Amino acid sequence: MYARAKFVAALPRHIPVLVLALFLGACGTQGVVVQAVQAPFENRLAEQQVVDAKIKTALLERLAKIDKMLLIDVTVDVWKREVLLTGALESPSLRAKVLAAAHADARTKKIYDEIQIVSAARHQDRRDMMDKAKAGAARVGDALNDVWIETKIKGQLVAAKDVGSINYRWRSVFGVVSIIGEARTPQERRTVESIIRHVEGVRKLNAFISIASH
């Protein structure tokens, strides 16, 4: 453990994260860096990305101990130690357990709870929607699929001028889109929010976008 910490401390602050992820994985923390932080181009330093990945992995492990189905029903995104929870559950008490698990990590600075409480039928509809999305369907009945909405948002943000799409994480739940991340300027934040609001199927936007300090 000491050798690993000493190695990480000696790394340049913007070393390509893939190298760092591979090293940590070799040291026995494979789950920690699963989504190992996508690239050195983010507005997060390598060490910030690793901490976020650890927070996410630890929370997913705690959720699995509560109920393995939570890994299907709840999504966790972390940006600079701020946690965004999205998804749909039938039980307020189960949501309370999810929140307690999120608050259990002292490294977490803030938690945004956007988990919807829905009926059993609605809950099953979402699971069916996700299954059909995996099979390539864009629509489930008359409703636009959440996965389709998320994919559409990605395409438009990637194509948008002066938008660093890699600095955002977004989720759609029954057309309610929640996004966390960091804009380089107030104008970029306005552009991102405008793009999402105009995507077909988006009913509401919950934006937790900070402005980068320069």
N, C-alpha and C. Protein backbone atom coordinates (compact mmCIF):
# COMPACT_ATOMS: atom_id res chain seq x y z
N MET A 1 0.84 -1.21 0.00
CA MET A 1 0.00 0.00 0.00
C MET A 1 0.87 1.25 0.00
N TYR A 2 1.95 1.25 0.83
CA TYR A 2 2.83 2.43 0.88
C TYR A 2 3.50 2.64 -0.46
N ALA A 3 3.96 1.54 -1.08
CA ALA A 3 4.65 1.66 -2.37
C ALA A 3 3.71 2.23 -3.43
N ARG A 4 2.45 1.80 -3.41
CA ARG A 4 1.51 2.30 -4.38
C ARG A 4 1.25 3.78 -4.17
N ALA A 5 1.08 4.20 -2.93
CA ALA A 5 0.82 5.61 -2.63
C ALA A 5 2.01 6.46 -3.05
N LYS A 6 3.23 5.95 -2.79
CA LYS A 6 4.44 6.68 -3.15
C LYS A 6 4.54 6.84 -4.65
N PHE A 7 4.17 5.77 -5.39
CA PHE A 7 4.21 5.82 -6.85
C PHE A 7 3.24 6.86 -7.39
N VAL A 8 2.01 6.83 -6.88
CA VAL A 8 0.99 7.77 -7.35
C VAL A 8 1.40 9.20 -7.06
N ALA A 9 1.93 9.44 -5.87
CA ALA A 9 2.33 10.80 -5.49
C ALA A 9 3.42 11.34 -6.40
N ALA A 10 4.24 10.44 -6.94
CA ALA A 10 5.36 10.86 -7.77
C ALA A 10 4.95 11.12 -9.22
N LEU A 11 3.74 10.75 -9.58
CA LEU A 11 3.31 10.91 -10.97
C LEU A 11 3.08 12.37 -11.31
N PRO A 12 3.34 12.77 -12.56
CA PRO A 12 2.96 14.11 -13.00
C PRO A 12 1.46 14.28 -12.87
N ARG A 13 1.00 15.50 -12.62
CA ARG A 13 -0.41 15.73 -12.32
C ARG A 13 -1.32 15.42 -13.50
N HIS A 14 -0.81 15.47 -14.72
CA HIS A 14 -1.66 15.20 -15.87
C HIS A 14 -1.19 13.97 -16.65
N ILE A 15 -0.62 12.98 -15.93
CA ILE A 15 -0.23 11.75 -16.60
C ILE A 15 -1.46 11.11 -17.22
N PRO A 16 -1.34 10.51 -18.42
CA PRO A 16 -2.49 9.82 -19.00
C PRO A 16 -3.08 8.84 -18.01
N VAL A 17 -4.38 8.95 -17.80
CA VAL A 17 -5.02 8.21 -16.72
C VAL A 17 -5.00 6.72 -16.97
N LEU A 18 -4.94 6.31 -18.23
CA LEU A 18 -4.94 4.89 -18.52
C LEU A 18 -3.75 4.21 -17.85
N VAL A 19 -2.58 4.86 -17.87
CA VAL A 19 -1.40 4.30 -17.23
C VAL A 19 -1.63 4.13 -15.75
N LEU A 20 -2.21 5.16 -15.13
CA LEU A 20 -2.49 5.10 -13.69
C LEU A 20 -3.49 3.99 -13.40
N ALA A 21 -4.51 3.87 -14.24
CA ALA A 21 -5.53 2.84 -14.03
C ALA A 21 -4.93 1.45 -14.11
N LEU A 22 -4.06 1.23 -15.09
CA LEU A 22 -3.44 -0.07 -15.25
C LEU A 22 -2.59 -0.42 -14.03
N PHE A 23 -1.87 0.58 -13.51
CA PHE A 23 -1.03 0.33 -12.34
C PHE A 23 -1.89 -0.05 -11.14
N LEU A 24 -2.95 0.71 -10.90
CA LEU A 24 -3.81 0.42 -9.75
C LEU A 24 -4.46 -0.94 -9.90
N GLY A 25 -4.86 -1.27 -11.13
CA GLY A 25 -5.47 -2.57 -11.37
C GLY A 25 -4.50 -3.69 -11.04
N ALA A 26 -3.23 -3.52 -11.43
CA ALA A 26 -2.23 -4.54 -11.15
C ALA A 26 -2.00 -4.70 -9.66
N CYS A 27 -2.31 -3.64 -8.91
CA CYS A 27 -2.12 -3.71 -7.45
C CYS A 27 -3.33 -4.29 -6.74
N GLY A 28 -4.33 -4.75 -7.49
CA GLY A 28 -5.45 -5.41 -6.86
C GLY A 28 -6.66 -4.55 -6.64
N THR A 29 -6.78 -3.42 -7.36
CA THR A 29 -7.96 -2.57 -7.20
C THR A 29 -8.71 -2.47 -8.52
N GLN A 30 -8.91 -3.62 -9.18
CA GLN A 30 -9.51 -3.62 -10.50
C GLN A 30 -10.87 -2.93 -10.52
N GLY A 31 -11.71 -3.22 -9.50
CA GLY A 31 -13.04 -2.63 -9.49
C GLY A 31 -13.01 -1.12 -9.32
N VAL A 32 -11.96 -0.62 -8.69
CA VAL A 32 -11.86 0.81 -8.40
C VAL A 32 -11.80 1.63 -9.67
N VAL A 33 -11.12 1.10 -10.69
CA VAL A 33 -10.88 1.91 -11.87
C VAL A 33 -11.60 1.34 -13.08
N VAL A 34 -12.74 0.72 -12.85
CA VAL A 34 -13.47 0.09 -13.94
C VAL A 34 -13.77 1.10 -15.03
N GLN A 35 -14.33 2.23 -14.69
CA GLN A 35 -14.62 3.23 -15.70
C GLN A 35 -13.52 4.25 -15.65
N ALA A 36 -12.37 3.75 -15.50
CA ALA A 36 -11.24 4.48 -15.04
C ALA A 36 -11.07 5.76 -15.73
N VAL A 37 -11.93 6.51 -15.48
CA VAL A 37 -11.60 7.84 -15.79
C VAL A 37 -11.11 7.95 -17.19
N GLN A 38 -11.85 8.64 -17.95
CA GLN A 38 -11.82 8.44 -19.38
C GLN A 38 -10.58 8.95 -20.08
N ALA A 39 -10.05 10.09 -19.75
CA ALA A 39 -8.93 10.61 -20.52
C ALA A 39 -8.29 11.78 -19.81
N PRO A 40 -7.07 12.14 -20.20
CA PRO A 40 -6.42 13.29 -19.57
C PRO A 40 -6.99 14.62 -20.03
N PHE A 41 -8.03 14.58 -20.87
CA PHE A 41 -8.59 15.82 -21.41
C PHE A 41 -9.72 16.37 -20.55
N GLU A 42 -10.14 15.64 -19.53
CA GLU A 42 -11.21 16.12 -18.66
C GLU A 42 -10.73 17.30 -17.82
N ASN A 43 -11.70 18.01 -17.25
CA ASN A 43 -11.39 19.08 -16.30
C ASN A 43 -11.17 18.51 -14.90
N ARG A 44 -10.68 17.28 -14.84
CA ARG A 44 -10.32 16.66 -13.56
C ARG A 44 -8.89 16.15 -13.67
N LEU A 45 -8.13 16.37 -12.61
CA LEU A 45 -6.79 15.81 -12.57
C LEU A 45 -6.89 14.29 -12.41
N ALA A 46 -5.80 13.62 -12.73
CA ALA A 46 -5.80 12.16 -12.66
C ALA A 46 -6.20 11.66 -11.27
N GLU A 47 -5.66 12.29 -10.23
CA GLU A 47 -5.98 11.84 -8.88
C GLU A 47 -7.45 12.09 -8.53
N GLN A 48 -8.03 13.16 -9.07
CA GLN A 48 -9.45 13.41 -8.84
C GLN A 48 -10.30 12.33 -9.52
N GLN A 49 -9.90 11.94 -10.70
CA GLN A 49 -10.64 10.90 -11.42
C GLN A 49 -10.59 9.58 -10.66
N VAL A 50 -9.43 9.25 -10.11
CA VAL A 50 -9.29 8.01 -9.38
C VAL A 50 -10.14 8.03 -8.10
N VAL A 51 -10.13 9.14 -7.38
CA VAL A 51 -10.96 9.25 -6.18
C VAL A 51 -12.43 9.09 -6.54
N ASP A 52 -12.89 9.74 -7.62
CA ASP A 52 -14.28 9.61 -8.04
C ASP A 52 -14.62 8.15 -8.37
N ALA A 53 -13.70 7.46 -9.06
CA ALA A 53 -13.94 6.06 -9.41
C ALA A 53 -14.04 5.20 -8.15
N LYS A 54 -13.22 5.50 -7.16
CA LYS A 54 -13.27 4.74 -5.90
C LYS A 54 -14.59 4.99 -5.16
N ILE A 55 -15.03 6.24 -5.14
CA ILE A 55 -16.30 6.56 -4.48
C ILE A 55 -17.44 5.80 -5.15
N LYS A 56 -17.44 5.80 -6.47
CA LYS A 56 -18.51 5.11 -7.22
C LYS A 56 -18.47 3.61 -6.96
N THR A 57 -17.30 3.02 -7.06
CA THR A 57 -17.17 1.58 -6.86
C THR A 57 -17.60 1.17 -5.46
N ALA A 58 -17.17 1.93 -4.46
CA ALA A 58 -17.53 1.60 -3.07
C ALA A 58 -19.03 1.70 -2.85
N LEU A 59 -19.66 2.72 -3.45
CA LEU A 59 -21.11 2.87 -3.28
C LEU A 59 -21.85 1.73 -3.97
N LEU A 60 -21.43 1.36 -5.16
CA LEU A 60 -22.08 0.25 -5.86
C LEU A 60 -21.96 -1.04 -5.06
N GLU A 61 -20.83 -1.24 -4.41
CA GLU A 61 -20.66 -2.43 -3.57
C GLU A 61 -21.62 -2.40 -2.38
N ARG A 62 -21.79 -1.22 -1.78
CA ARG A 62 -22.73 -1.12 -0.65
C ARG A 62 -24.17 -1.34 -1.11
N LEU A 63 -24.52 -0.83 -2.29
CA LEU A 63 -25.87 -1.03 -2.81
C LEU A 63 -26.14 -2.50 -3.09
N ALA A 64 -25.15 -3.19 -3.62
CA ALA A 64 -25.31 -4.62 -3.92
C ALA A 64 -25.58 -5.43 -2.66
N LYS A 65 -24.98 -5.00 -1.54
CA LYS A 65 -25.21 -5.69 -0.28
C LYS A 65 -26.63 -5.46 0.23
N ILE A 66 -27.20 -4.30 -0.09
CA ILE A 66 -28.59 -4.01 0.31
C ILE A 66 -29.56 -4.83 -0.52
N ASP A 67 -29.37 -4.77 -1.84
CA ASP A 67 -30.24 -5.48 -2.79
C ASP A 67 -29.57 -5.43 -4.15
N LYS A 68 -29.24 -6.57 -4.70
CA LYS A 68 -28.52 -6.61 -5.97
C LYS A 68 -29.29 -5.94 -7.11
N MET A 69 -30.61 -5.91 -7.02
CA MET A 69 -31.40 -5.27 -8.07
C MET A 69 -31.20 -3.76 -8.11
N LEU A 70 -30.65 -3.21 -7.03
CA LEU A 70 -30.36 -1.77 -7.03
C LEU A 70 -29.33 -1.41 -8.10
N LEU A 71 -28.49 -2.36 -8.47
CA LEU A 71 -27.50 -2.11 -9.50
C LEU A 71 -28.16 -1.95 -10.87
N ILE A 72 -29.39 -2.41 -11.00
CA ILE A 72 -30.17 -2.22 -12.22
C ILE A 72 -31.03 -0.97 -12.13
N ASP A 73 -31.60 -0.75 -10.96
CA ASP A 73 -32.59 0.32 -10.79
C ASP A 73 -32.00 1.70 -10.48
N VAL A 74 -30.79 1.73 -9.98
CA VAL A 74 -30.18 2.99 -9.57
C VAL A 74 -28.84 3.18 -10.30
N THR A 75 -28.62 4.39 -10.77
CA THR A 75 -27.36 4.72 -11.44
C THR A 75 -26.58 5.73 -10.61
N VAL A 76 -25.28 5.53 -10.54
CA VAL A 76 -24.40 6.39 -9.75
C VAL A 76 -23.41 7.07 -10.68
N ASP A 77 -23.34 8.40 -10.62
CA ASP A 77 -22.33 9.16 -11.35
C ASP A 77 -21.63 10.08 -10.36
N VAL A 78 -20.32 10.22 -10.51
CA VAL A 78 -19.54 11.03 -9.57
C VAL A 78 -18.67 12.01 -10.35
N TRP A 79 -18.70 13.27 -9.91
CA TRP A 79 -17.85 14.29 -10.51
C TRP A 79 -17.23 15.14 -9.40
N LYS A 80 -15.93 15.05 -9.26
CA LYS A 80 -15.20 15.79 -8.23
C LYS A 80 -15.84 15.64 -6.86
N ARG A 81 -16.10 14.37 -6.52
CA ARG A 81 -16.62 13.95 -5.21
C ARG A 81 -18.07 14.36 -4.98
N GLU A 82 -18.75 14.84 -6.00
CA GLU A 82 -20.19 15.09 -5.92
C GLU A 82 -20.91 13.93 -6.61
N VAL A 83 -21.92 13.38 -5.96
CA VAL A 83 -22.58 12.16 -6.41
C VAL A 83 -23.99 12.47 -6.92
N LEU A 84 -24.28 11.98 -8.11
CA LEU A 84 -25.62 12.09 -8.70
C LEU A 84 -26.25 10.71 -8.70
N LEU A 85 -27.40 10.59 -8.04
CA LEU A 85 -28.16 9.34 -8.00
C LEU A 85 -29.40 9.48 -8.86
N THR A 86 -29.59 8.57 -9.79
CA THR A 86 -30.78 8.58 -10.64
C THR A 86 -31.35 7.17 -10.72
N GLY A 87 -32.58 7.07 -11.21
CA GLY A 87 -33.21 5.77 -11.35
C GLY A 87 -34.65 5.81 -10.88
N ALA A 88 -35.23 4.64 -10.69
CA ALA A 88 -36.63 4.54 -10.26
C ALA A 88 -36.78 3.38 -9.29
N LEU A 89 -37.46 3.66 -8.17
CA LEU A 89 -37.72 2.65 -7.15
C LEU A 89 -39.18 2.70 -6.74
N GLU A 90 -39.67 1.59 -6.22
CA GLU A 90 -41.06 1.56 -5.73
C GLU A 90 -41.17 2.05 -4.29
N SER A 91 -40.10 1.89 -3.52
CA SER A 91 -40.17 2.09 -2.07
C SER A 91 -39.38 3.29 -1.58
N PRO A 92 -40.04 4.23 -0.89
CA PRO A 92 -39.30 5.34 -0.28
C PRO A 92 -38.28 4.85 0.75
N SER A 93 -38.61 3.77 1.45
CA SER A 93 -37.67 3.25 2.45
C SER A 93 -36.41 2.70 1.79
N LEU A 94 -36.56 2.11 0.60
CA LEU A 94 -35.40 1.61 -0.11
C LEU A 94 -34.55 2.77 -0.62
N ARG A 95 -35.20 3.83 -1.06
CA ARG A 95 -34.46 5.02 -1.47
C ARG A 95 -33.69 5.59 -0.28
N ALA A 96 -34.28 5.57 0.89
CA ALA A 96 -33.60 6.07 2.08
C ALA A 96 -32.34 5.26 2.37
N LYS A 97 -32.39 3.96 2.13
CA LYS A 97 -31.22 3.11 2.32
C LYS A 97 -30.13 3.45 1.30
N VAL A 98 -30.55 3.75 0.08
CA VAL A 98 -29.59 4.16 -0.95
C VAL A 98 -28.89 5.44 -0.53
N LEU A 99 -29.67 6.40 -0.05
CA LEU A 99 -29.09 7.67 0.38
C LEU A 99 -28.15 7.49 1.57
N ALA A 100 -28.55 6.63 2.50
CA ALA A 100 -27.68 6.37 3.66
C ALA A 100 -26.36 5.76 3.21
N ALA A 101 -26.42 4.88 2.23
CA ALA A 101 -25.20 4.26 1.70
C ALA A 101 -24.32 5.30 1.03
N ALA A 102 -24.93 6.26 0.34
CA ALA A 102 -24.16 7.31 -0.31
C ALA A 102 -23.51 8.23 0.71
N HIS A 103 -24.23 8.54 1.77
CA HIS A 103 -23.70 9.44 2.80
C HIS A 103 -22.63 8.76 3.66
N ALA A 104 -22.51 7.45 3.55
CA ALA A 104 -21.56 6.72 4.40
C ALA A 104 -20.10 6.97 4.02
N ASP A 105 -19.87 7.52 2.84
CA ASP A 105 -18.51 7.76 2.38
C ASP A 105 -18.09 9.19 2.73
N ALA A 106 -17.10 9.32 3.60
CA ALA A 106 -16.66 10.64 4.07
C ALA A 106 -16.01 11.46 2.95
N ARG A 107 -15.61 10.81 1.87
CA ARG A 107 -14.98 11.53 0.77
C ARG A 107 -15.99 12.32 -0.06
N THR A 108 -17.26 11.97 0.05
CA THR A 108 -18.29 12.60 -0.76
C THR A 108 -18.61 14.00 -0.24
N LYS A 109 -18.60 14.98 -1.15
CA LYS A 109 -18.85 16.36 -0.77
C LYS A 109 -20.33 16.71 -0.83
N LYS A 110 -21.04 16.19 -1.82
CA LYS A 110 -22.44 16.54 -2.01
C LYS A 110 -23.15 15.40 -2.73
N ILE A 111 -24.45 15.24 -2.43
CA ILE A 111 -25.25 14.19 -3.06
C ILE A 111 -26.51 14.81 -3.66
N TYR A 112 -26.74 14.51 -4.93
CA TYR A 112 -27.95 14.96 -5.62
C TYR A 112 -28.86 13.75 -5.81
N ASP A 113 -29.98 13.76 -5.11
CA ASP A 113 -30.91 12.63 -5.16
C ASP A 113 -32.00 12.90 -6.20
N GLU A 114 -31.91 12.23 -7.34
CA GLU A 114 -32.92 12.35 -8.38
C GLU A 114 -33.56 11.00 -8.67
N ILE A 115 -33.62 10.15 -7.64
CA ILE A 115 -34.28 8.85 -7.77
C ILE A 115 -35.78 9.05 -7.68
N GLN A 116 -36.51 8.57 -8.65
CA GLN A 116 -37.97 8.72 -8.67
C GLN A 116 -38.64 7.55 -7.94
N ILE A 117 -39.69 7.87 -7.18
CA ILE A 117 -40.52 6.83 -6.56
C ILE A 117 -41.73 6.63 -7.47
N VAL A 118 -41.92 5.41 -7.92
CA VAL A 118 -42.96 5.12 -8.91
C VAL A 118 -43.77 3.90 -8.48
N SER A 119 -44.87 3.69 -9.19
CA SER A 119 -45.71 2.52 -8.92
C SER A 119 -44.99 1.25 -9.37
N ALA A 120 -45.49 0.11 -8.90
CA ALA A 120 -44.90 -1.18 -9.29
C ALA A 120 -44.97 -1.36 -10.80
N ALA A 121 -46.09 -0.95 -11.39
CA ALA A 121 -46.25 -1.10 -12.84
C ALA A 121 -45.26 -0.22 -13.59
N ARG A 122 -45.10 1.00 -13.12
CA ARG A 122 -44.18 1.94 -13.75
C ARG A 122 -42.73 1.46 -13.60
N HIS A 123 -42.46 0.91 -12.44
CA HIS A 123 -41.13 0.37 -12.16
C HIS A 123 -40.80 -0.75 -13.15
N GLN A 124 -41.76 -1.64 -13.34
CA GLN A 124 -41.54 -2.75 -14.27
C GLN A 124 -41.44 -2.25 -15.71
N ASP A 125 -42.21 -1.20 -16.02
CA ASP A 125 -42.12 -0.61 -17.36
C ASP A 125 -40.70 -0.15 -17.66
N ARG A 126 -40.06 0.46 -16.67
CA ARG A 126 -38.69 0.95 -16.89
C ARG A 126 -37.73 -0.21 -17.11
N ARG A 127 -37.88 -1.26 -16.34
CA ARG A 127 -37.00 -2.42 -16.54
C ARG A 127 -37.20 -3.00 -17.94
N ASP A 128 -38.48 -3.08 -18.36
CA ASP A 128 -38.76 -3.59 -19.70
C ASP A 128 -38.17 -2.66 -20.76
N MET A 129 -38.26 -1.36 -20.49
CA MET A 129 -37.73 -0.36 -21.42
C MET A 129 -36.23 -0.55 -21.60
N MET A 130 -35.52 -0.77 -20.50
CA MET A 130 -34.08 -0.94 -20.57
C MET A 130 -33.71 -2.22 -21.31
N ASP A 131 -34.49 -3.29 -21.08
CA ASP A 131 -34.23 -4.55 -21.78
C ASP A 131 -34.41 -4.39 -23.28
N LYS A 132 -35.48 -3.69 -23.67
CA LYS A 132 -35.74 -3.51 -25.10
C LYS A 132 -34.71 -2.58 -25.73
N ALA A 133 -34.21 -1.65 -24.94
CA ALA A 133 -33.18 -0.75 -25.46
C ALA A 133 -31.92 -1.52 -25.79
N LYS A 134 -31.59 -2.50 -24.96
CA LYS A 134 -30.41 -3.32 -25.22
C LYS A 134 -30.56 -4.09 -26.52
N ALA A 135 -31.84 -4.37 -26.88
CA ALA A 135 -32.10 -5.09 -28.12
C ALA A 135 -32.15 -4.15 -29.32
N GLY A 136 -31.98 -2.83 -29.06
CA GLY A 136 -31.92 -1.88 -30.15
C GLY A 136 -33.19 -1.10 -30.41
N ALA A 137 -34.23 -1.29 -29.60
CA ALA A 137 -35.48 -0.56 -29.81
C ALA A 137 -35.35 0.88 -29.34
N ALA A 138 -35.87 1.81 -30.13
CA ALA A 138 -35.81 3.22 -29.75
C ALA A 138 -37.06 3.64 -28.99
N ARG A 139 -38.14 2.91 -29.18
CA ARG A 139 -39.40 3.29 -28.54
C ARG A 139 -39.99 2.10 -27.81
N VAL A 140 -40.67 2.38 -26.72
CA VAL A 140 -41.43 1.38 -25.99
C VAL A 140 -42.84 1.93 -25.90
N GLY A 141 -43.76 1.34 -26.66
CA GLY A 141 -45.10 1.89 -26.75
C GLY A 141 -45.02 3.28 -27.37
N ASP A 142 -45.64 4.25 -26.72
CA ASP A 142 -45.61 5.62 -27.22
C ASP A 142 -44.49 6.45 -26.59
N ALA A 143 -43.75 5.86 -25.70
CA ALA A 143 -42.72 6.61 -24.98
C ALA A 143 -41.36 6.47 -25.65
N LEU A 144 -40.64 7.57 -25.71
CA LEU A 144 -39.26 7.50 -26.19
C LEU A 144 -38.41 6.80 -25.14
N ASN A 145 -37.54 5.95 -25.60
CA ASN A 145 -36.71 5.22 -24.68
C ASN A 145 -35.65 6.11 -24.05
N ASP A 146 -35.44 5.93 -22.74
CA ASP A 146 -34.44 6.76 -22.04
C ASP A 146 -33.05 6.59 -22.62
N VAL A 147 -32.72 5.37 -23.01
CA VAL A 147 -31.40 5.14 -23.59
C VAL A 147 -31.26 5.91 -24.90
N TRP A 148 -32.34 5.93 -25.67
CA TRP A 148 -32.32 6.68 -26.93
C TRP A 148 -32.11 8.17 -26.66
N ILE A 149 -32.79 8.69 -25.63
CA ILE A 149 -32.63 10.10 -25.26
C ILE A 149 -31.18 10.38 -24.87
N GLU A 150 -30.62 9.52 -24.03
CA GLU A 150 -29.23 9.72 -23.60
C GLU A 150 -28.27 9.69 -24.79
N THR A 151 -28.52 8.79 -25.72
CA THR A 151 -27.66 8.69 -26.91
C THR A 151 -27.79 9.94 -27.78
N LYS A 152 -29.01 10.43 -27.90
CA LYS A 152 -29.24 11.65 -28.70
C LYS A 152 -28.53 12.84 -28.06
N ILE A 153 -28.59 12.95 -26.74
CA ILE A 153 -27.90 14.04 -26.04
C ILE A 153 -26.40 13.94 -26.29
N LYS A 154 -25.86 12.73 -26.19
CA LYS A 154 -24.43 12.56 -26.40
C LYS A 154 -24.01 13.04 -27.78
N GLY A 155 -24.77 12.63 -28.80
CA GLY A 155 -24.42 13.03 -30.15
C GLY A 155 -24.42 14.53 -30.34
N GLN A 156 -25.40 15.20 -29.74
CA GLN A 156 -25.50 16.64 -29.92
C GLN A 156 -24.45 17.40 -29.12
N LEU A 157 -24.14 16.91 -27.92
CA LEU A 157 -23.10 17.57 -27.12
C LEU A 157 -21.72 17.38 -27.75
N VAL A 158 -21.45 16.20 -28.26
CA VAL A 158 -20.16 15.96 -28.91
C VAL A 158 -19.99 16.85 -30.13
N ALA A 159 -21.10 17.05 -30.85
CA ALA A 159 -21.03 17.84 -32.08
C ALA A 159 -21.05 19.35 -31.83
N ALA A 160 -21.46 19.76 -30.63
CA ALA A 160 -21.63 21.19 -30.36
C ALA A 160 -20.28 21.91 -30.27
N LYS A 161 -20.24 23.10 -30.81
CA LYS A 161 -19.03 23.91 -30.77
C LYS A 161 -18.80 24.44 -29.35
N ASP A 162 -17.56 24.41 -28.92
CA ASP A 162 -17.15 24.96 -27.61
C ASP A 162 -17.84 24.27 -26.44
N VAL A 163 -18.12 22.97 -26.59
CA VAL A 163 -18.68 22.18 -25.49
C VAL A 163 -17.76 20.99 -25.24
N GLY A 164 -17.26 20.87 -24.01
CA GLY A 164 -16.42 19.73 -23.65
C GLY A 164 -17.29 18.62 -23.09
N SER A 165 -17.88 17.83 -23.98
CA SER A 165 -18.86 16.81 -23.56
C SER A 165 -18.27 15.79 -22.59
N ILE A 166 -16.96 15.61 -22.62
CA ILE A 166 -16.32 14.63 -21.74
C ILE A 166 -16.42 15.03 -20.27
N ASN A 167 -16.75 16.29 -20.01
CA ASN A 167 -16.83 16.79 -18.63
C ASN A 167 -18.23 16.70 -18.03
N TYR A 168 -19.10 15.92 -18.66
CA TYR A 168 -20.47 15.79 -18.17
C TYR A 168 -20.90 14.33 -18.10
N ARG A 169 -21.82 14.05 -17.16
CA ARG A 169 -22.45 12.75 -17.06
C ARG A 169 -23.95 13.02 -16.99
N TRP A 170 -24.75 12.36 -17.80
CA TRP A 170 -26.19 12.62 -17.81
C TRP A 170 -26.97 11.32 -17.86
N ARG A 171 -28.19 11.36 -17.31
CA ARG A 171 -29.08 10.20 -17.27
C ARG A 171 -30.51 10.67 -17.54
N SER A 172 -31.26 9.81 -18.20
CA SER A 172 -32.67 10.08 -18.44
C SER A 172 -33.51 9.01 -17.75
N VAL A 173 -34.51 9.44 -16.99
CA VAL A 173 -35.43 8.52 -16.33
C VAL A 173 -36.85 8.98 -16.64
N PHE A 174 -37.55 8.24 -17.48
CA PHE A 174 -38.87 8.64 -17.95
C PHE A 174 -38.86 10.04 -18.55
N GLY A 175 -37.81 10.36 -19.25
CA GLY A 175 -37.73 11.66 -19.91
C GLY A 175 -37.26 12.80 -19.03
N VAL A 176 -36.99 12.52 -17.76
CA VAL A 176 -36.43 13.53 -16.86
C VAL A 176 -34.91 13.36 -16.89
N VAL A 177 -34.23 14.36 -17.41
CA VAL A 177 -32.78 14.26 -17.58
C VAL A 177 -32.07 14.97 -16.43
N SER A 178 -31.11 14.28 -15.84
CA SER A 178 -30.26 14.86 -14.80
C SER A 178 -28.83 14.84 -15.31
N ILE A 179 -28.11 15.94 -15.11
CA ILE A 179 -26.74 16.04 -15.60
C ILE A 179 -25.85 16.65 -14.52
N ILE A 180 -24.64 16.11 -14.41
CA ILE A 180 -23.64 16.62 -13.48
C ILE A 180 -22.34 16.82 -14.25
N GLY A 181 -21.56 17.79 -13.83
CA GLY A 181 -20.30 18.02 -14.51
C GLY A 181 -19.84 19.45 -14.36
N GLU A 182 -18.99 19.85 -15.29
CA GLU A 182 -18.35 21.16 -15.16
C GLU A 182 -18.19 21.82 -16.52
N ALA A 183 -18.69 23.05 -16.62
CA ALA A 183 -18.52 23.84 -17.84
C ALA A 183 -17.31 24.74 -17.69
N ARG A 184 -16.68 25.02 -18.81
CA ARG A 184 -15.52 25.92 -18.77
C ARG A 184 -15.93 27.37 -18.63
N THR A 185 -17.14 27.70 -19.12
CA THR A 185 -17.65 29.07 -19.05
C THR A 185 -19.15 29.05 -18.79
N PRO A 186 -19.73 30.16 -18.31
CA PRO A 186 -21.18 30.22 -18.16
C PRO A 186 -21.91 30.00 -19.49
N GLN A 187 -21.32 30.48 -20.59
CA GLN A 187 -21.94 30.29 -21.90
C GLN A 187 -22.00 28.81 -22.26
N GLU A 188 -20.95 28.07 -21.94
CA GLU A 188 -20.99 26.63 -22.23
C GLU A 188 -22.10 25.96 -21.43
N ARG A 189 -22.26 26.34 -20.18
CA ARG A 189 -23.34 25.75 -19.38
C ARG A 189 -24.69 26.06 -20.01
N ARG A 190 -24.89 27.29 -20.45
CA ARG A 190 -26.18 27.64 -21.08
C ARG A 190 -26.39 26.83 -22.36
N THR A 191 -25.32 26.64 -23.12
CA THR A 191 -25.43 25.88 -24.37
C THR A 191 -25.81 24.43 -24.09
N VAL A 192 -25.15 23.82 -23.11
CA VAL A 192 -25.43 22.42 -22.75
C VAL A 192 -26.88 22.27 -22.31
N GLU A 193 -27.34 23.15 -21.45
CA GLU A 193 -28.71 23.05 -20.94
C GLU A 193 -29.72 23.26 -22.07
N SER A 194 -29.43 24.19 -22.97
CA SER A 194 -30.34 24.44 -24.09
C SER A 194 -30.42 23.23 -25.02
N ILE A 195 -29.29 22.64 -25.30
CA ILE A 195 -29.27 21.46 -26.18
C ILE A 195 -30.14 20.35 -25.59
N ILE A 196 -29.96 20.09 -24.31
CA ILE A 196 -30.71 18.99 -23.68
C ILE A 196 -32.21 19.28 -23.68
N ARG A 197 -32.57 20.50 -23.35
CA ARG A 197 -34.00 20.84 -23.29
C ARG A 197 -34.69 20.68 -24.64
N HIS A 198 -33.94 20.77 -25.73
CA HIS A 198 -34.54 20.70 -27.07
C HIS A 198 -34.46 19.30 -27.68
N VAL A 199 -33.93 18.34 -26.93
CA VAL A 199 -33.91 16.96 -27.43
C VAL A 199 -35.30 16.36 -27.31
N GLU A 200 -35.76 15.71 -28.36
CA GLU A 200 -37.09 15.11 -28.36
C GLU A 200 -37.21 14.11 -27.21
N GLY A 201 -38.32 14.19 -26.50
CA GLY A 201 -38.57 13.26 -25.40
C GLY A 201 -38.18 13.77 -24.04
N VAL A 202 -37.39 14.84 -23.97
CA VAL A 202 -36.98 15.39 -22.67
C VAL A 202 -38.14 16.20 -22.08
N ARG A 203 -38.60 15.79 -20.92
CA ARG A 203 -39.72 16.47 -20.26
C ARG A 203 -39.25 17.49 -19.23
N LYS A 204 -38.07 17.22 -18.64
CA LYS A 204 -37.57 18.10 -17.57
C LYS A 204 -36.06 17.94 -17.49
N LEU A 205 -35.39 19.00 -17.07
CA LEU A 205 -33.93 18.96 -16.90
C LEU A 205 -33.56 19.37 -15.48
N ASN A 206 -32.78 18.52 -14.81
CA ASN A 206 -32.18 18.84 -13.52
C ASN A 206 -30.67 18.97 -13.76
N ALA A 207 -30.18 20.20 -13.73
CA ALA A 207 -28.77 20.44 -14.07
C ALA A 207 -27.95 20.80 -12.84
N PHE A 208 -26.87 20.06 -12.64
CA PHE A 208 -25.94 20.32 -11.55
C PHE A 208 -24.56 20.55 -12.17
N ILE A 209 -24.44 21.67 -12.86
CA ILE A 209 -23.24 21.99 -13.63
C ILE A 209 -22.52 23.16 -12.97
N SER A 210 -21.30 22.93 -12.56
CA SER A 210 -20.49 24.00 -11.99
C SER A 210 -19.67 24.68 -13.09
N ILE A 211 -19.10 25.83 -12.76
CA ILE A 211 -18.23 26.54 -13.69
C ILE A 211 -16.78 26.35 -13.23
N ALA A 212 -15.92 25.97 -14.15
CA ALA A 212 -14.52 25.72 -13.79
C ALA A 212 -13.85 26.98 -13.30
N SER A 213 -13.04 26.85 -12.28
CA SER A 213 -12.25 27.97 -11.80
C SER A 213 -10.97 28.03 -12.60
N HIS A 214 -10.55 29.21 -12.98
CA HIS A 214 -9.37 29.35 -13.83
C HIS A 214 -8.25 30.05 -13.07
